[in-house]
Amino acid sequence: MARWDFYSTYFPPSRPRAAKGGIRAQSKRGSFGETWWAKRWIAVLDGFDLSARLQRGRRYARGGQVLAIDVQKGSISAKVQGSRPSPYEVAIQVKPLGSKDWSKVAEAVSSQAVFAAKLLGGEMPQEMEEVFRGARVSLFPERANDLITDCSCPDWSNPCKHIAAVYYLLGEEFDRDPFLIFRMRGMDRGEFLALLGESAVPSPRPTAEVQPPEPLPASPAAFWAAGAIPGNLTGEVSLMAPGAAVARRLGKFPFWRGNQDFFEYLEQVYAKAAARAARVLEGK
């Protein structure tokens, strides 16, 4: 009997304690991550071939069992609530790239203005992996010594389901901010943009000539004169489709902990506020 079959037969899976205020995955089913770079990160975990542990890790990520995640240069720390009273401590170490390697990457990126523009817009260009390979390094961990994981749980498997849960949530967070991958490799967003120099900052668009405003009337009587108030001052009251446009422009909320999608909840709030404003304008 294989070791995992023996373990699962005589030591049934434990049930995790309910966690309050944990980080919840936005995906309710299926794969984690929407962008190619997030899926690429998840593929690193899938390469470990952990079968049942990956399934439990997905449940932990979607059930809010991960209480905290902190991404620093070359390291990721997290707390995951398991079956014991105290949360388990998860540590993931990623081999950082050297300063010379980052200089080569920045030089290649600055030579292609579209790369810098996409990064500033929150998108990881598909060609970035080739850029890193051209510098003889990798964007994502590829070798065994590129990635070291540890968990304080008693599970002999490494990565365990607690580490897997953190992996999945990181994949979704990479969707929101691709520069977290750079930080994981030892380079913050501001530092990388400084390496790119002014070529990384897109030139401002030419603005249309601004016409000076009309001068105010010189006569006080003309200034304070008020015309007749039209009967249809407010016009026809109509409700616009709420889209949480401002919030969506700011991007996804980092490591969202709510049971409901952040933008869907805001749209409901906007819809109620708009309906109330319409009743006020109609005198109701």
Protein backbone atom coordinates (compact mmCIF):
# COMPACT_ATOMS: atom_id res chain seq x y z
CA MET A 1 0.00 0.00 0.00
CA ALA A 2 1.35 3.43 -0.91
CA ARG A 3 2.26 5.71 1.95
CA TRP A 4 -0.52 8.18 1.17
CA ASP A 5 -3.13 5.36 0.93
CA PHE A 6 -1.98 4.00 4.29
CA TYR A 7 -2.08 7.46 5.86
CA SER A 8 -5.55 8.34 4.53
CA THR A 9 -6.96 4.94 5.56
CA TYR A 10 -5.82 4.90 9.18
CA PHE A 11 -5.74 8.66 9.80
CA PRO A 12 -8.91 10.20 8.35
CA PRO A 13 -8.79 13.89 7.38
CA SER A 14 -9.34 16.28 10.29
CA ARG A 15 -11.97 19.00 10.14
CA PRO A 16 -10.65 22.57 10.41
CA ARG A 17 -12.00 24.90 13.06
CA ALA A 18 -14.28 27.67 11.82
CA ALA A 19 -12.30 30.84 11.11
CA LYS A 20 -13.74 34.35 11.41
CA GLY A 21 -12.59 37.18 9.19
CA GLY A 22 -10.38 34.99 7.02
CA ILE A 23 -9.31 35.74 3.44
CA ARG A 24 -11.72 34.20 0.97
CA ALA A 25 -11.01 33.22 -2.61
CA GLN A 26 -13.12 35.05 -5.18
CA SER A 27 -13.53 31.95 -7.33
CA LYS A 28 -16.31 29.70 -6.05
CA ARG A 29 -15.48 26.73 -8.27
CA GLY A 30 -13.10 25.69 -11.00
CA SER A 31 -9.62 27.12 -11.41
CA PHE A 32 -7.99 29.94 -9.47
CA GLY A 33 -6.73 33.07 -11.18
CA GLU A 34 -7.87 34.65 -14.42
CA THR A 35 -4.71 36.05 -15.99
CA TRP A 36 -1.97 34.01 -17.64
CA TRP A 37 0.60 34.99 -14.98
CA ALA A 38 -1.70 33.90 -12.12
CA LYS A 39 -2.37 30.57 -13.83
CA ARG A 40 1.36 30.16 -14.38
CA TRP A 41 1.91 30.48 -10.63
CA ILE A 42 -0.79 27.93 -9.88
CA ALA A 43 0.85 25.57 -12.38
CA VAL A 44 3.93 25.52 -10.14
CA LEU A 45 1.78 24.10 -7.33
CA ASP A 46 0.07 21.63 -9.63
CA GLY A 47 3.49 20.35 -10.58
CA PHE A 48 3.93 18.95 -7.07
CA ASP A 49 1.23 16.34 -7.81
CA LEU A 50 -0.37 16.39 -4.36
CA SER A 51 -3.84 15.20 -5.49
CA ALA A 52 -6.05 15.14 -2.37
CA ARG A 53 -4.09 17.83 -0.57
CA LEU A 54 -4.65 20.26 -3.44
CA GLN A 55 -8.39 19.66 -3.21
CA ARG A 56 -8.35 20.38 0.53
CA GLY A 57 -6.19 23.42 -0.09
CA ARG A 58 -8.82 24.78 -2.46
CA ARG A 59 -11.51 24.25 0.18
CA TYR A 60 -9.39 26.05 2.75
CA ALA A 61 -8.86 28.99 0.37
CA ARG A 62 -12.56 29.28 -0.47
CA GLY A 63 -13.69 28.73 3.12
CA GLY A 64 -11.71 31.62 4.61
CA GLN A 65 -9.30 29.45 6.62
CA VAL A 66 -6.31 31.63 5.70
CA LEU A 67 -6.22 34.41 8.28
CA ALA A 68 -3.33 36.52 7.00
CA ILE A 69 -0.79 36.70 4.16
CA ASP A 70 2.26 38.96 4.05
CA VAL A 71 4.35 39.17 0.87
CA GLN A 72 7.88 40.50 1.34
CA LYS A 73 10.99 40.42 -0.80
CA GLY A 74 11.84 36.77 -1.29
CA SER A 75 9.46 35.50 1.39
CA ILE A 76 5.78 34.97 2.09
CA SER A 77 4.38 34.36 5.57
CA ALA A 78 0.81 33.35 6.40
CA LYS A 79 -1.44 32.09 9.19
CA VAL A 80 -3.90 29.30 8.42
CA GLN A 81 -6.57 28.04 10.78
CA GLY A 82 -6.57 24.26 10.89
CA SER A 83 -8.02 21.71 13.30
CA ARG A 84 -6.00 22.91 16.30
CA PRO A 85 -6.83 26.01 18.40
CA SER A 86 -3.78 27.99 17.27
CA PRO A 87 -3.39 28.84 13.56
CA TYR A 88 -0.56 27.15 11.69
CA GLU A 89 2.40 29.24 10.56
CA VAL A 90 3.17 28.96 6.84
CA ALA A 91 6.46 30.18 5.38
CA ILE A 92 7.34 30.27 1.68
CA GLN A 93 10.82 31.36 0.64
CA VAL A 94 11.48 32.27 -2.97
CA LYS A 95 15.02 32.66 -4.23
CA PRO A 96 15.45 36.37 -5.03
CA LEU A 97 17.20 37.53 -8.16
CA GLY A 98 20.45 39.47 -7.95
CA SER A 99 20.81 43.18 -8.73
CA LYS A 100 22.67 42.46 -11.97
CA ASP A 101 19.87 40.16 -13.10
CA TRP A 102 17.25 42.84 -12.42
CA SER A 103 19.34 45.41 -14.32
CA LYS A 104 19.37 43.14 -17.37
CA VAL A 105 15.61 42.63 -17.12
CA ALA A 106 14.98 46.39 -16.76
CA GLU A 107 17.18 47.14 -19.76
CA ALA A 108 15.22 44.69 -21.91
CA VAL A 109 11.86 46.03 -20.71
CA SER A 110 12.82 49.68 -21.26
CA SER A 111 13.70 48.89 -24.87
CA GLN A 112 10.06 47.96 -25.48
CA ALA A 113 7.77 50.81 -24.47
CA VAL A 114 4.70 48.60 -24.65
CA PHE A 115 6.09 46.37 -21.88
CA ALA A 116 6.44 49.27 -19.46
CA ALA A 117 3.03 50.66 -20.41
CA LYS A 118 1.33 47.32 -19.73
CA LEU A 119 3.09 46.91 -16.38
CA LEU A 120 2.03 50.38 -15.29
CA GLY A 121 -1.50 49.48 -16.33
CA GLY A 122 -1.51 46.42 -14.07
CA GLU A 123 -0.88 43.85 -16.80
CA MET A 124 2.00 41.42 -17.10
CA PRO A 125 3.05 41.21 -20.78
CA GLN A 126 3.05 37.68 -22.13
CA GLU A 127 6.60 38.23 -23.34
CA MET A 128 7.96 38.86 -19.82
CA GLU A 129 8.96 35.24 -19.33
CA GLU A 130 11.08 35.47 -22.49
CA VAL A 131 12.60 38.72 -21.19
CA PHE A 132 13.67 36.97 -17.99
CA ARG A 133 15.00 33.99 -19.89
CA GLY A 134 17.03 36.38 -22.03
CA ALA A 135 18.66 37.56 -18.80
CA ARG A 136 19.29 33.87 -17.95
CA VAL A 137 16.89 33.90 -15.00
CA SER A 138 13.27 32.86 -14.53
CA LEU A 139 10.27 34.94 -13.51
CA PHE A 140 8.58 32.03 -11.75
CA PRO A 141 10.29 29.38 -9.61
CA GLU A 142 11.47 26.53 -11.80
CA ARG A 143 14.13 24.65 -9.81
CA ALA A 144 13.81 22.88 -6.49
CA ASN A 145 16.06 25.37 -4.72
CA ASP A 146 14.05 28.34 -6.07
CA LEU A 147 11.22 27.58 -3.65
CA ILE A 148 11.27 26.42 -0.01
CA THR A 149 8.00 25.87 1.88
CA ASP A 150 7.34 25.07 5.52
CA CYS A 151 4.28 24.73 7.77
CA SER A 152 4.00 24.20 11.52
CA CYS A 153 1.27 21.57 11.06
CA PRO A 154 2.02 17.88 11.81
CA ASP A 155 1.42 16.77 8.21
CA TRP A 156 4.52 15.05 6.80
CA SER A 157 3.74 16.22 3.28
CA ASN A 158 5.38 19.41 2.07
CA PRO A 159 3.63 21.34 0.63
CA CYS A 160 0.61 20.50 2.81
CA LYS A 161 -3.00 21.65 2.36
CA HIS A 162 -2.30 24.82 4.39
CA ILE A 163 0.55 25.82 2.07
CA ALA A 164 -1.62 24.93 -0.92
CA ALA A 165 -4.38 27.26 0.33
CA VAL A 166 -1.91 30.15 0.53
CA TYR A 167 -0.68 29.31 -3.00
CA TYR A 168 -4.19 29.56 -4.41
CA LEU A 169 -4.93 32.89 -2.73
CA LEU A 170 -1.61 34.28 -3.95
CA GLY A 171 -2.63 33.31 -7.48
CA GLU A 172 -5.76 35.43 -7.21
CA GLU A 173 -3.79 38.28 -5.66
CA PHE A 174 -1.37 38.22 -8.59
CA ASP A 175 -4.41 38.90 -10.79
CA ARG A 176 -4.85 42.18 -8.93
CA ASP A 177 -1.20 43.22 -8.73
CA PRO A 178 1.36 41.52 -11.00
CA PHE A 179 4.15 43.44 -9.24
CA LEU A 180 3.71 41.09 -6.29
CA ILE A 181 5.51 38.50 -8.41
CA PHE A 182 8.42 40.93 -8.73
CA ARG A 183 8.44 41.51 -4.96
CA MET A 184 8.42 37.77 -4.45
CA ARG A 185 11.56 37.68 -6.59
CA GLY A 186 13.19 40.49 -4.57
CA MET A 187 12.16 43.70 -6.35
CA ASP A 188 9.46 46.21 -5.31
CA ARG A 189 7.37 48.09 -7.85
CA GLY A 190 8.98 51.47 -7.16
CA GLU A 191 12.48 50.06 -7.35
CA PHE A 192 11.82 48.39 -10.69
CA LEU A 193 10.29 51.55 -12.17
CA ALA A 194 13.34 53.46 -10.96
CA LEU A 195 15.53 50.98 -12.86
CA LEU A 196 13.49 51.60 -15.98
CA GLY A 197 14.01 55.34 -15.65
CA GLU A 198 11.94 57.94 -17.39
CA SER A 199 11.35 55.62 -20.35
CA ALA A 200 8.95 53.61 -18.15
CA VAL A 201 6.69 56.60 -17.64
CA PRO A 202 4.41 57.25 -20.62
CA SER A 203 4.47 60.81 -21.93
CA PRO A 204 1.34 62.78 -21.06
CA ARG A 205 -1.26 63.19 -23.75
CA PRO A 206 -1.54 66.66 -25.23
CA THR A 207 -4.45 68.48 -23.68
CA ALA A 208 -6.86 70.61 -25.64
CA GLU A 209 -6.43 74.37 -25.34
CA VAL A 210 -8.44 75.63 -22.40
CA GLN A 211 -10.63 78.61 -23.18
CA PRO A 212 -10.72 81.31 -20.50
CA PRO A 213 -14.07 81.61 -18.70
CA GLU A 214 -16.50 84.40 -19.51
CA PRO A 215 -15.88 87.47 -17.33
CA LEU A 216 -18.40 88.20 -14.58
CA PRO A 217 -20.86 91.06 -15.16
CA ALA A 218 -19.55 94.40 -13.92
CA SER A 219 -23.00 95.48 -12.71
CA PRO A 220 -24.01 94.04 -9.29
CA ALA A 221 -27.68 94.14 -10.34
CA ALA A 222 -26.96 92.04 -13.42
CA PHE A 223 -24.84 89.65 -11.35
CA TRP A 224 -27.53 88.99 -8.75
CA ALA A 225 -30.47 88.98 -11.15
CA ALA A 226 -32.30 85.68 -11.23
CA GLY A 227 -34.46 84.46 -14.05
CA ALA A 228 -37.65 82.45 -13.76
CA ILE A 229 -37.16 78.93 -12.43
CA PRO A 230 -38.27 76.43 -15.08
CA GLY A 231 -40.84 73.85 -14.08
CA ASN A 232 -38.69 70.99 -15.32
CA LEU A 233 -35.55 72.09 -13.50
CA THR A 234 -34.55 68.54 -12.59
CA GLY A 235 -35.69 67.11 -15.89
CA GLU A 236 -36.98 63.58 -16.20
CA VAL A 237 -35.82 61.35 -13.37
CA SER A 238 -34.22 58.16 -14.64
CA LEU A 239 -32.01 55.64 -12.91
CA MET A 240 -28.63 54.88 -14.41
CA ALA A 241 -27.30 51.36 -14.30
CA PRO A 242 -24.97 51.22 -11.28
CA GLY A 243 -21.58 49.78 -12.19
CA ALA A 244 -19.30 50.76 -9.29
CA ALA A 245 -17.14 52.41 -11.94
CA VAL A 246 -14.86 54.30 -9.54
CA ALA A 247 -14.22 51.25 -7.38
CA ARG A 248 -13.56 49.05 -10.42
CA ARG A 249 -11.07 51.60 -11.71
CA LEU A 250 -9.16 51.35 -8.43
CA GLY A 251 -8.97 47.58 -8.90
CA LYS A 252 -9.75 44.58 -6.75
CA PHE A 253 -9.61 44.88 -2.99
CA PRO A 254 -6.39 43.19 -1.74
CA PHE A 255 -7.00 39.85 -0.01
CA TRP A 256 -10.78 40.33 0.23
CA ARG A 257 -12.34 38.77 3.36
CA GLY A 258 -16.07 39.17 2.67
CA ASN A 259 -18.51 36.42 1.82
CA GLN A 260 -19.83 38.42 -1.13
CA ASP A 261 -17.94 39.86 -4.09
CA PHE A 262 -16.82 43.42 -3.29
CA PHE A 263 -18.03 45.01 -6.52
CA GLU A 264 -21.35 43.15 -6.53
CA TYR A 265 -22.03 44.43 -3.02
CA LEU A 266 -21.20 48.03 -4.00
CA GLU A 267 -23.51 47.80 -7.01
CA GLN A 268 -26.36 46.84 -4.69
CA VAL A 269 -25.59 49.82 -2.45
CA TYR A 270 -25.48 52.19 -5.43
CA ALA A 271 -28.78 50.85 -6.76
CA LYS A 272 -30.53 51.50 -3.42
CA ALA A 273 -29.00 54.97 -3.14
CA ALA A 274 -30.04 55.88 -6.69
CA ALA A 275 -33.62 54.72 -6.07
CA ARG A 276 -33.79 56.82 -2.91
CA ALA A 277 -32.40 59.89 -4.69
CA ALA A 278 -35.05 59.48 -7.41
CA ARG A 279 -37.83 59.48 -4.78
CA VAL A 280 -36.38 62.69 -3.25
CA LEU A 281 -36.32 64.44 -6.63
CA GLU A 282 -39.90 63.40 -7.30
CA GLY A 283 -40.98 64.86 -3.98
CA LYS A 284 -41.84 61.49 -2.43
